[in-house]
């Protein structure tokens, strides 16, 4: 894993993936890692990068809140 100021981080990327939430391997892995307690913060360009579907975005935000994972959006 790359290091920034001695803090390990992981980048979840999706290239050429359709925007259907159920078919997003990067997002699925991020969710699994949050559920497993492996994530302590999510930094993302905008909430739309997580999901454009308000219900799915709400589920993601609820999970992050339950696991005490802060969400930081640059936009």
C-alpha atoms as a PDB file:
ATOM      1  CA  UNK A   1       0.000   0.000   0.000  1.00  0.00           C
ATOM      2  CA  UNK A   2       1.216   3.518  -0.735  1.00  0.00           C
ATOM      3  CA  UNK A   3       2.125   5.703   2.228  1.00  0.00           C
ATOM      4  CA  UNK A   4       1.316   9.362   2.781  1.00  0.00           C
ATOM      5  CA  UNK A   5       2.903  10.863   5.885  1.00  0.00           C
ATOM      6  CA  UNK A   6       3.356   7.347   7.285  1.00  0.00           C
ATOM      7  CA  UNK A   7      -0.358   6.572   6.943  1.00  0.00           C
ATOM      8  CA  UNK A   8      -1.370   3.626   4.773  1.00  0.00           C
ATOM      9  CA  UNK A   9      -4.132   4.295   2.289  1.00  0.00           C
ATOM     10  CA  UNK A  10      -5.903   2.389  -0.434  1.00  0.00           C
ATOM     11  CA  UNK A  11      -7.353   3.773  -3.647  1.00  0.00           C
ATOM     12  CA  UNK A  12     -10.586   2.279  -4.946  1.00  0.00           C
ATOM     13  CA  UNK A  13     -10.866   2.967  -8.667  1.00  0.00           C
ATOM     14  CA  UNK A  14     -13.303   2.023 -11.359  1.00  0.00           C
ATOM     15  CA  UNK A  15     -12.333   2.487 -14.973  1.00  0.00           C
ATOM     16  CA  UNK A  16     -14.804   1.900 -17.800  1.00  0.00           C
ATOM     17  CA  UNK A  17     -17.445   0.563 -15.411  1.00  0.00           C
ATOM     18  CA  UNK A  18     -21.116   1.202 -16.030  1.00  0.00           C
ATOM     19  CA  UNK A  19     -22.763   3.371 -13.396  1.00  0.00           C
ATOM     20  CA  UNK A  20     -25.137   0.647 -12.194  1.00  0.00           C
ATOM     21  CA  UNK A  21     -24.461   0.475  -8.454  1.00  0.00           C
ATOM     22  CA  UNK A  22     -24.803  -3.298  -8.234  1.00  0.00           C
ATOM     23  CA  UNK A  23     -22.060  -3.811 -10.859  1.00  0.00           C
ATOM     24  CA  UNK A  24     -19.257  -1.694  -9.363  1.00  0.00           C
ATOM     25  CA  UNK A  25     -16.316  -3.770  -8.117  1.00  0.00           C
ATOM     26  CA  UNK A  26     -14.449  -0.815  -6.585  1.00  0.00           C
ATOM     27  CA  UNK A  27     -17.477   0.342  -4.612  1.00  0.00           C
ATOM     28  CA  UNK A  28     -18.284  -3.226  -3.589  1.00  0.00           C
ATOM     29  CA  UNK A  29     -14.743  -3.685  -2.272  1.00  0.00           C
ATOM     30  CA  UNK A  30     -14.897  -0.366  -0.405  1.00  0.00           C
ATOM     31  CA  UNK A  31     -18.167  -1.409   1.252  1.00  0.00           C
ATOM     32  CA  UNK A  32     -16.714  -4.807   2.189  1.00  0.00           C
ATOM     33  CA  UNK A  33     -13.636  -3.133   3.665  1.00  0.00           C
ATOM     34  CA  UNK A  34     -15.783  -0.705   5.679  1.00  0.00           C
ATOM     35  CA  UNK A  35     -17.871  -3.602   6.988  1.00  0.00           C
ATOM     36  CA  UNK A  36     -14.669  -5.452   7.941  1.00  0.00           C
ATOM     37  CA  UNK A  37     -13.387  -2.432   9.867  1.00  0.00           C
ATOM     38  CA  UNK A  38     -10.457  -1.834   7.496  1.00  0.00           C
ATOM     39  CA  UNK A  39     -11.373   1.753   6.593  1.00  0.00           C
ATOM     40  CA  UNK A  40     -11.038   4.742   8.929  1.00  0.00           C
ATOM     41  CA  UNK A  41     -11.925   7.532   6.452  1.00  0.00           C
ATOM     42  CA  UNK A  42     -13.334   7.877   2.926  1.00  0.00           C
ATOM     43  CA  UNK A  43     -12.145  10.797   0.811  1.00  0.00           C
ATOM     44  CA  UNK A  44     -14.005  11.252  -2.454  1.00  0.00           C
ATOM     45  CA  UNK A  45     -14.357  13.957  -5.097  1.00  0.00           C
ATOM     46  CA  UNK A  46     -18.128  14.194  -4.652  1.00  0.00           C
ATOM     47  CA  UNK A  47     -21.070  12.205  -3.306  1.00  0.00           C
ATOM     48  CA  UNK A  48     -22.079  11.428  -6.901  1.00  0.00           C
ATOM     49  CA  UNK A  49     -18.878   9.378  -7.266  1.00  0.00           C
ATOM     50  CA  UNK A  50     -20.256   7.031  -4.597  1.00  0.00           C
ATOM     51  CA  UNK A  51     -23.733   6.861  -6.131  1.00  0.00           C
ATOM     52  CA  UNK A  52     -26.100   9.046  -8.110  1.00  0.00           C
ATOM     53  CA  UNK A  53     -28.991   7.064  -6.665  1.00  0.00           C
ATOM     54  CA  UNK A  54     -30.119   8.851  -3.471  1.00  0.00           C
ATOM     55  CA  UNK A  55     -31.307   5.613  -1.828  1.00  0.00           C
ATOM     56  CA  UNK A  56     -27.990   3.823  -2.480  1.00  0.00           C
ATOM     57  CA  UNK A  57     -26.022   6.877  -1.366  1.00  0.00           C
ATOM     58  CA  UNK A  58     -28.085   6.986   1.824  1.00  0.00           C
ATOM     59  CA  UNK A  59     -27.331   3.311   2.508  1.00  0.00           C
ATOM     60  CA  UNK A  60     -23.612   3.943   2.022  1.00  0.00           C
ATOM     61  CA  UNK A  61     -23.684   6.986   4.308  1.00  0.00           C
ATOM     62  CA  UNK A  62     -25.614   5.036   6.944  1.00  0.00           C
ATOM     63  CA  UNK A  63     -23.038   2.215   6.847  1.00  0.00           C
ATOM     64  CA  UNK A  64     -20.175   4.689   7.153  1.00  0.00           C
ATOM     65  CA  UNK A  65     -21.904   6.358  10.090  1.00  0.00           C
ATOM     66  CA  UNK A  66     -22.527   3.005  11.820  1.00  0.00           C
ATOM     67  CA  UNK A  67     -18.848   2.095  11.457  1.00  0.00           C
ATOM     68  CA  UNK A  68     -17.656   5.590  12.505  1.00  0.00           C
ATOM     69  CA  UNK A  69     -16.045   6.194   9.129  1.00  0.00           C
ATOM     70  CA  UNK A  70     -16.005   9.897   8.244  1.00  0.00           C
ATOM     71  CA  UNK A  71     -16.855  10.837   4.663  1.00  0.00           C
ATOM     72  CA  UNK A  72     -14.935  13.756   3.153  1.00  0.00           C
ATOM     73  CA  UNK A  73     -16.077  15.194  -0.155  1.00  0.00           C
ATOM     74  CA  UNK A  74     -13.804  17.620  -2.008  1.00  0.00           C
ATOM     75  CA  UNK A  75     -16.721  19.221  -3.817  1.00  0.00           C
END
